Amino acid sequence: MAIRLLSELAPDYVLAPERHVALVQAGDGVALGELVEERNERIDPGVERHAVVLDTSHARDGLLDVAGALRDVAGTKSAKKRALPGDLVVSRLRPYLRQIALIHPHAMAAIAERPLALSTEFYVLSPRGRDDDLAFLLPYLLSPAAQSLLASAQEGGHHPRVPRTSLLSMRIPRELVAARTRTSRAVSAALAAFYDASLSLRTLLDEREESLQARRIGG
């Protein structure tokens, strides 16, 4: 059994019992930290003014709300986290809101390949392997079992957050890891269809709005 001294505590290592309960309940499987790496690159939207800024409300149930992010033009003065296609983003704030999403290539196409600037409340996880696809993780991370673990691991009262160590120590079922290629293909295809349909709808609505405006001016 590992023993830690009070003098060894750090911002990401505390003695809150909820975290240790969650880790004990994690069970057998492959630790998430063995499948992903955390991306900590920063991007300054004030410098890269064409960046699309996403906060935690723009990710939910595996999807990115790119249309909502494009409508939010308030801007920001603080540095954000950079995310690239293929990355998995997990909100560390209030995990029960299911604010988890994959940065899908078709989502990037919907924002014309503009760079993404994410809230620092996100953990940005990238594949460990160059050709790995993290889409297979979405069904598990959004499952009741995983959501329960995340909720148990959160710390803090007013703004409960999931510590990095708790997230990366979560155990992914071995059968899911074994079927990762097949599952990733199915999830990725579904996401592609969703973003393509969303883009088509947005284009149609924009065209209708432009038509109505033209009639008002001409009328």
C-alpha atoms as a PDB file:
ATOM      1  CA  MET A   1       0.000   0.000   0.000  1.00  0.00           C
ATOM      2  CA  ALA A   2       1.373   3.402  -0.990  1.00  0.00           C
ATOM      3  CA  ILE A   3       1.730   5.902   1.846  1.00  0.00           C
ATOM      4  CA  ARG A   4       1.604   9.656   1.316  1.00  0.00           C
ATOM      5  CA  LEU A   5       2.640  12.310   3.821  1.00  0.00           C
ATOM      6  CA  LEU A   6       0.747  15.537   4.387  1.00  0.00           C
ATOM      7  CA  SER A   7       3.850  17.375   3.202  1.00  0.00           C
ATOM      8  CA  GLU A   8       3.485  15.688  -0.191  1.00  0.00           C
ATOM      9  CA  LEU A   9       0.054  17.107  -0.915  1.00  0.00           C
ATOM     10  CA  ALA A  10      -0.265  19.252  -4.010  1.00  0.00           C
ATOM     11  CA  PRO A  11      -3.075  21.028  -5.904  1.00  0.00           C
ATOM     12  CA  ASP A  12      -3.886  17.779  -7.724  1.00  0.00           C
ATOM     13  CA  TYR A  13      -3.336  15.417  -4.769  1.00  0.00           C
ATOM     14  CA  VAL A  14      -5.581  15.700  -1.759  1.00  0.00           C
ATOM     15  CA  LEU A  15      -6.977  13.313   0.816  1.00  0.00           C
ATOM     16  CA  ALA A  16     -10.650  13.717  -0.085  1.00  0.00           C
ATOM     17  CA  PRO A  17     -12.248  10.271   0.482  1.00  0.00           C
ATOM     18  CA  GLU A  18     -14.544  10.523  -2.543  1.00  0.00           C
ATOM     19  CA  ARG A  19     -11.597  10.204  -4.911  1.00  0.00           C
ATOM     20  CA  HIS A  20     -10.292   7.041  -3.299  1.00  0.00           C
ATOM     21  CA  VAL A  21     -13.761   5.470  -3.223  1.00  0.00           C
ATOM     22  CA  ALA A  22     -14.069   6.123  -6.943  1.00  0.00           C
ATOM     23  CA  LEU A  23     -10.681   4.578  -7.651  1.00  0.00           C
ATOM     24  CA  VAL A  24     -11.478   1.462  -5.596  1.00  0.00           C
ATOM     25  CA  GLN A  25     -14.734   1.045  -7.484  1.00  0.00           C
ATOM     26  CA  ALA A  26     -13.016   1.397 -10.847  1.00  0.00           C
ATOM     27  CA  GLY A  27     -12.477  -2.362 -11.176  1.00  0.00           C
ATOM     28  CA  ASP A  28     -10.424  -4.241 -13.721  1.00  0.00           C
ATOM     29  CA  GLY A  29      -9.505  -2.850 -17.101  1.00  0.00           C
ATOM     30  CA  VAL A  30      -7.020  -0.575 -18.848  1.00  0.00           C
ATOM     31  CA  ALA A  31      -6.316   2.776 -17.197  1.00  0.00           C
ATOM     32  CA  LEU A  32      -7.425   5.691 -19.361  1.00  0.00           C
ATOM     33  CA  GLY A  33      -3.972   7.203 -18.889  1.00  0.00           C
ATOM     34  CA  GLU A  34      -2.476   4.255 -20.786  1.00  0.00           C
ATOM     35  CA  LEU A  35      -4.621   5.071 -23.823  1.00  0.00           C
ATOM     36  CA  VAL A  36      -4.353   8.864 -23.963  1.00  0.00           C
ATOM     37  CA  GLU A  37      -1.983  11.743 -23.378  1.00  0.00           C
ATOM     38  CA  GLU A  38      -3.026  15.123 -22.053  1.00  0.00           C
ATOM     39  CA  ARG A  39      -2.575  18.016 -24.448  1.00  0.00           C
ATOM     40  CA  ASN A  40      -1.568  21.194 -22.635  1.00  0.00           C
ATOM     41  CA  GLU A  41      -0.799  23.468 -25.561  1.00  0.00           C
ATOM     42  CA  ARG A  42      -2.169  26.978 -25.179  1.00  0.00           C
ATOM     43  CA  ILE A  43      -3.713  29.298 -27.731  1.00  0.00           C
ATOM     44  CA  ASP A  44      -4.364  33.009 -27.333  1.00  0.00           C
ATOM     45  CA  PRO A  45      -7.628  33.982 -29.075  1.00  0.00           C
ATOM     46  CA  GLY A  46      -6.552  37.598 -28.776  1.00  0.00           C
ATOM     47  CA  VAL A  47      -3.681  36.825 -31.133  1.00  0.00           C
ATOM     48  CA  GLU A  48      -5.390  34.203 -33.290  1.00  0.00           C
ATOM     49  CA  ARG A  49      -8.574  36.196 -33.751  1.00  0.00           C
ATOM     50  CA  HIS A  50     -10.109  33.682 -36.144  1.00  0.00           C
ATOM     51  CA  ALA A  51     -10.062  30.951 -33.487  1.00  0.00           C
ATOM     52  CA  VAL A  52     -13.398  29.449 -32.432  1.00  0.00           C
ATOM     53  CA  VAL A  53     -13.790  29.610 -28.654  1.00  0.00           C
ATOM     54  CA  LEU A  54     -15.615  26.762 -26.934  1.00  0.00           C
ATOM     55  CA  ASP A  55     -16.609  26.722 -23.297  1.00  0.00           C
ATOM     56  CA  THR A  56     -17.945  23.713 -21.405  1.00  0.00           C
ATOM     57  CA  SER A  57     -21.513  24.394 -22.561  1.00  0.00           C
ATOM     58  CA  HIS A  58     -20.431  23.695 -26.148  1.00  0.00           C
ATOM     59  CA  ALA A  59     -19.663  20.016 -25.479  1.00  0.00           C
ATOM     60  CA  ARG A  60     -22.256  17.494 -24.416  1.00  0.00           C
ATOM     61  CA  ASP A  61     -23.173  13.863 -25.032  1.00  0.00           C
ATOM     62  CA  GLY A  62     -20.166  13.339 -27.296  1.00  0.00           C
ATOM     63  CA  LEU A  63     -20.967  16.285 -29.575  1.00  0.00           C
ATOM     64  CA  LEU A  64     -19.608  19.773 -30.132  1.00  0.00           C
ATOM     65  CA  ASP A  65     -22.100  22.603 -30.494  1.00  0.00           C
ATOM     66  CA  VAL A  66     -20.170  24.335 -33.249  1.00  0.00           C
ATOM     67  CA  ALA A  67     -23.175  26.439 -34.307  1.00  0.00           C
ATOM     68  CA  GLY A  68     -23.505  27.796 -30.767  1.00  0.00           C
ATOM     69  CA  ALA A  69     -19.787  28.529 -30.579  1.00  0.00           C
ATOM     70  CA  LEU A  70     -19.916  30.418 -33.877  1.00  0.00           C
ATOM     71  CA  ARG A  71     -22.827  32.538 -32.608  1.00  0.00           C
ATOM     72  CA  ASP A  72     -20.914  33.475 -29.460  1.00  0.00           C
ATOM     73  CA  VAL A  73     -18.758  36.367 -30.636  1.00  0.00           C
ATOM     74  CA  ALA A  74     -18.206  37.971 -27.232  1.00  0.00           C
ATOM     75  CA  GLY A  75     -14.539  37.066 -27.403  1.00  0.00           C
ATOM     76  CA  THR A  76     -12.134  36.404 -24.555  1.00  0.00           C
ATOM     77  CA  LYS A  77      -8.983  37.924 -23.136  1.00  0.00           C
ATOM     78  CA  SER A  78      -7.600  34.798 -21.482  1.00  0.00           C
ATOM     79  CA  ALA A  79      -5.443  32.058 -22.959  1.00  0.00           C
ATOM     80  CA  LYS A  80      -7.232  28.835 -23.822  1.00  0.00           C
ATOM     81  CA  LYS A  81      -6.326  25.223 -24.505  1.00  0.00           C
ATOM     82  CA  ARG A  82      -5.661  24.127 -28.065  1.00  0.00           C
ATOM     83  CA  ALA A  83      -7.509  21.060 -29.364  1.00  0.00           C
ATOM     84  CA  LEU A  84      -6.879  19.207 -32.619  1.00  0.00           C
ATOM     85  CA  PRO A  85      -8.934  16.743 -34.677  1.00  0.00           C
ATOM     86  CA  GLY A  86      -8.992  13.359 -32.968  1.00  0.00           C
ATOM     87  CA  ASP A  87      -8.718  14.794 -29.462  1.00  0.00           C
ATOM     88  CA  LEU A  88     -11.207  13.904 -26.755  1.00  0.00           C
ATOM     89  CA  VAL A  89     -12.340  16.722 -24.469  1.00  0.00           C
ATOM     90  CA  VAL A  90     -13.710  16.111 -20.976  1.00  0.00           C
ATOM     91  CA  SER A  91     -14.946  18.875 -18.716  1.00  0.00           C
ATOM     92  CA  ARG A  92     -13.439  18.709 -15.256  1.00  0.00           C
ATOM     93  CA  LEU A  93     -16.249  20.918 -13.928  1.00  0.00           C
ATOM     94  CA  ARG A  94     -19.551  19.294 -12.893  1.00  0.00           C
ATOM     95  CA  PRO A  95     -19.088  15.922 -14.646  1.00  0.00           C
ATOM     96  CA  TYR A  96     -22.757  15.013 -14.259  1.00  0.00           C
ATOM     97  CA  LEU A  97     -23.534  17.453 -17.092  1.00  0.00           C
ATOM     98  CA  ARG A  98     -21.993  14.939 -19.568  1.00  0.00           C
ATOM     99  CA  GLN A  99     -19.747  17.606 -21.096  1.00  0.00           C
ATOM    100  CA  ILE A 100     -17.606  15.232 -23.123  1.00  0.00           C
ATOM    101  CA  ALA A 101     -16.982  15.364 -26.867  1.00  0.00           C
ATOM    102  CA  LEU A 102     -14.711  14.187 -29.655  1.00  0.00           C
ATOM    103  CA  ILE A 103     -13.032  16.734 -31.941  1.00  0.00           C
ATOM    104  CA  HIS A 104     -14.285  15.133 -35.129  1.00  0.00           C
ATOM    105  CA  PRO A 105     -12.859  16.110 -38.556  1.00  0.00           C
ATOM    106  CA  HIS A 106     -16.375  16.867 -39.827  1.00  0.00           C
ATOM    107  CA  ALA A 107     -16.896  19.272 -36.924  1.00  0.00           C
ATOM    108  CA  MET A 108     -13.704  21.034 -37.995  1.00  0.00           C
ATOM    109  CA  ALA A 109     -15.005  21.189 -41.560  1.00  0.00           C
ATOM    110  CA  ALA A 110     -18.159  22.872 -40.237  1.00  0.00           C
ATOM    111  CA  ILE A 111     -16.036  25.732 -38.866  1.00  0.00           C
ATOM    112  CA  ALA A 112     -13.887  25.963 -41.988  1.00  0.00           C
ATOM    113  CA  GLU A 113     -10.876  24.395 -40.238  1.00  0.00           C
ATOM    114  CA  ARG A 114     -10.452  27.384 -37.921  1.00  0.00           C
ATOM    115  CA  PRO A 115      -8.340  26.650 -34.816  1.00  0.00           C
ATOM    116  CA  LEU A 116     -10.155  25.675 -31.626  1.00  0.00           C
ATOM    117  CA  ALA A 117      -9.599  27.501 -28.348  1.00  0.00           C
ATOM    118  CA  LEU A 118     -11.121  25.587 -25.437  1.00  0.00           C
ATOM    119  CA  SER A 119     -11.904  26.624 -21.902  1.00  0.00           C
ATOM    120  CA  THR A 120      -9.230  25.653 -19.403  1.00  0.00           C
ATOM    121  CA  GLU A 121     -11.994  23.734 -17.605  1.00  0.00           C
ATOM    122  CA  PHE A 122     -11.513  21.016 -20.227  1.00  0.00           C
ATOM    123  CA  TYR A 123      -9.081  18.161 -20.103  1.00  0.00           C
ATOM    124  CA  VAL A 124      -7.877  17.756 -23.696  1.00  0.00           C
ATOM    125  CA  LEU A 125      -6.858  14.149 -24.322  1.00  0.00           C
ATOM    126  CA  SER A 126      -4.973  13.064 -27.438  1.00  0.00           C
ATOM    127  CA  PRO A 127      -4.313   9.521 -28.707  1.00  0.00           C
ATOM    128  CA  ARG A 128      -1.086   7.895 -27.542  1.00  0.00           C
ATOM    129  CA  GLY A 129      -0.659   6.108 -30.862  1.00  0.00           C
ATOM    130  CA  ARG A 130      -0.322   8.100 -34.060  1.00  0.00           C
ATOM    131  CA  ASP A 131      -3.128   6.211 -35.805  1.00  0.00           C
ATOM    132  CA  ASP A 132      -5.318   5.614 -32.740  1.00  0.00           C
ATOM    133  CA  ASP A 133      -8.939   6.728 -32.765  1.00  0.00           C
ATOM    134  CA  LEU A 134     -10.450   7.715 -29.423  1.00  0.00           C
ATOM    135  CA  ALA A 135     -14.071   7.585 -30.625  1.00  0.00           C
ATOM    136  CA  PHE A 136     -14.497   4.179 -28.965  1.00  0.00           C
ATOM    137  CA  LEU A 137     -14.195   5.822 -25.552  1.00  0.00           C
ATOM    138  CA  LEU A 138     -17.329   7.941 -25.928  1.00  0.00           C
ATOM    139  CA  PRO A 139     -19.909   5.173 -25.258  1.00  0.00           C
ATOM    140  CA  TYR A 140     -18.164   4.194 -22.029  1.00  0.00           C
ATOM    141  CA  LEU A 141     -17.393   7.686 -20.716  1.00  0.00           C
ATOM    142  CA  LEU A 142     -21.036   8.646 -21.255  1.00  0.00           C
ATOM    143  CA  SER A 143     -22.363   5.432 -19.712  1.00  0.00           C
ATOM    144  CA  PRO A 144     -24.075   5.473 -16.283  1.00  0.00           C
ATOM    145  CA  ALA A 145     -21.183   3.468 -14.797  1.00  0.00           C
ATOM    146  CA  ALA A 146     -18.492   5.932 -15.900  1.00  0.00           C
ATOM    147  CA  GLN A 147     -20.640   8.966 -15.075  1.00  0.00           C
ATOM    148  CA  SER A 148     -21.152   7.595 -11.574  1.00  0.00           C
ATOM    149  CA  LEU A 149     -17.387   7.211 -11.125  1.00  0.00           C
ATOM    150  CA  LEU A 150     -16.753  10.741 -12.308  1.00  0.00           C
ATOM    151  CA  ALA A 151     -19.420  12.102  -9.991  1.00  0.00           C
ATOM    152  CA  SER A 152     -17.902  10.211  -7.053  1.00  0.00           C
ATOM    153  CA  ALA A 153     -14.416  11.511  -7.866  1.00  0.00           C
ATOM    154  CA  GLN A 154     -15.347  15.184  -7.978  1.00  0.00           C
ATOM    155  CA  GLU A 155     -14.036  17.512  -5.299  1.00  0.00           C
ATOM    156  CA  GLY A 156     -15.224  20.893  -4.111  1.00  0.00           C
ATOM    157  CA  GLY A 157     -18.563  22.298  -3.082  1.00  0.00           C
ATOM    158  CA  HIS A 158     -19.587  25.312  -5.149  1.00  0.00           C
ATOM    159  CA  HIS A 159     -17.667  24.288  -8.285  1.00  0.00           C
ATOM    160  CA  PRO A 160     -17.032  20.521  -8.052  1.00  0.00           C
ATOM    161  CA  ARG A 161     -14.221  19.321 -10.305  1.00  0.00           C
ATOM    162  CA  VAL A 162     -12.750  15.929 -11.221  1.00  0.00           C
ATOM    163  CA  PRO A 163      -9.006  15.732 -10.481  1.00  0.00           C
ATOM    164  CA  ARG A 164      -6.683  14.778 -13.316  1.00  0.00           C
ATOM    165  CA  THR A 165      -5.397  11.711 -11.482  1.00  0.00           C
ATOM    166  CA  SER A 166      -8.933  10.388 -10.949  1.00  0.00           C
ATOM    167  CA  LEU A 167      -9.833  10.795 -14.613  1.00  0.00           C
ATOM    168  CA  LEU A 168      -6.670   9.181 -15.963  1.00  0.00           C
ATOM    169  CA  SER A 169      -6.887   6.272 -13.513  1.00  0.00           C
ATOM    170  CA  MET A 170     -10.385   5.315 -14.655  1.00  0.00           C
ATOM    171  CA  ARG A 171     -10.446   1.742 -15.920  1.00  0.00           C
ATOM    172  CA  ILE A 172     -11.729   1.137 -19.442  1.00  0.00           C
ATOM    173  CA  PRO A 173     -13.215  -2.373 -19.826  1.00  0.00           C
ATOM    174  CA  ARG A 174     -10.812  -4.670 -21.644  1.00  0.00           C
ATOM    175  CA  GLU A 175     -13.521  -5.928 -23.993  1.00  0.00           C
ATOM    176  CA  LEU A 176     -14.140  -2.354 -25.127  1.00  0.00           C
ATOM    177  CA  VAL A 177     -10.422  -1.797 -25.713  1.00  0.00           C
ATOM    178  CA  ALA A 178     -10.235  -5.073 -27.656  1.00  0.00           C
ATOM    179  CA  ALA A 179     -13.071  -3.912 -29.938  1.00  0.00           C
ATOM    180  CA  ARG A 180     -11.772  -0.348 -30.218  1.00  0.00           C
ATOM    181  CA  THR A 181     -11.309  -0.346 -33.997  1.00  0.00           C
ATOM    182  CA  ARG A 182     -14.819  -1.556 -34.775  1.00  0.00           C
ATOM    183  CA  THR A 183     -16.437   0.689 -32.171  1.00  0.00           C
ATOM    184  CA  SER A 184     -14.463   3.749 -33.258  1.00  0.00           C
ATOM    185  CA  ARG A 185     -15.531   3.267 -36.867  1.00  0.00           C
ATOM    186  CA  ALA A 186     -19.207   3.061 -35.905  1.00  0.00           C
ATOM    187  CA  VAL A 187     -19.096   6.055 -33.560  1.00  0.00           C
ATOM    188  CA  SER A 188     -17.035   8.151 -35.971  1.00  0.00           C
ATOM    189  CA  ALA A 189     -19.415   7.403 -38.853  1.00  0.00           C
ATOM    190  CA  ALA A 190     -22.406   8.442 -36.729  1.00  0.00           C
ATOM    191  CA  LEU A 191     -20.674  11.672 -35.726  1.00  0.00           C
ATOM    192  CA  ALA A 192     -19.798  12.435 -39.344  1.00  0.00           C
ATOM    193  CA  ALA A 193     -23.437  12.004 -40.355  1.00  0.00           C
ATOM    194  CA  PHE A 194     -24.558  14.286 -37.539  1.00  0.00           C
ATOM    195  CA  TYR A 195     -22.155  17.109 -38.386  1.00  0.00           C
ATOM    196  CA  ASP A 196     -22.872  16.833 -42.110  1.00  0.00           C
ATOM    197  CA  ALA A 197     -26.610  17.059 -41.456  1.00  0.00           C
ATOM    198  CA  SER A 198     -26.128  19.974 -39.052  1.00  0.00           C
ATOM    199  CA  LEU A 199     -24.046  21.859 -41.613  1.00  0.00           C
ATOM    200  CA  SER A 200     -26.651  21.253 -44.329  1.00  0.00           C
ATOM    201  CA  LEU A 201     -29.411  22.520 -42.049  1.00  0.00           C
ATOM    202  CA  ARG A 202     -27.422  25.595 -41.054  1.00  0.00           C
ATOM    203  CA  THR A 203     -26.685  26.379 -44.702  1.00  0.00           C
ATOM    204  CA  LEU A 204     -30.374  26.030 -45.589  1.00  0.00           C
ATOM    205  CA  LEU A 205     -31.461  28.279 -42.716  1.00  0.00           C
ATOM    206  CA  ASP A 206     -28.872  30.900 -43.641  1.00  0.00           C
ATOM    207  CA  GLU A 207     -30.040  30.884 -47.249  1.00  0.00           C
ATOM    208  CA  ARG A 208     -33.681  31.309 -46.187  1.00  0.00           C
ATOM    209  CA  GLU A 209     -32.748  34.164 -43.838  1.00  0.00           C
ATOM    210  CA  GLU A 210     -30.831  35.921 -46.612  1.00  0.00           C
ATOM    211  CA  SER A 211     -33.822  35.481 -48.911  1.00  0.00           C
ATOM    212  CA  LEU A 212     -36.187  36.992 -46.337  1.00  0.00           C
ATOM    213  CA  GLN A 213     -33.878  39.945 -45.775  1.00  0.00           C
ATOM    214  CA  ALA A 214     -33.659  40.548 -49.501  1.00  0.00           C
ATOM    215  CA  ARG A 215     -37.477  40.593 -49.718  1.00  0.00           C
ATOM    216  CA  ARG A 216     -37.735  43.069 -46.850  1.00  0.00           C
ATOM    217  CA  ILE A 217     -35.241  45.400 -48.501  1.00  0.00           C
ATOM    218  CA  GLY A 218     -36.876  45.040 -51.899  1.00  0.00           C
ATOM    219  CA  GLY A 219     -40.390  45.330 -50.523  1.00  0.00           C
END
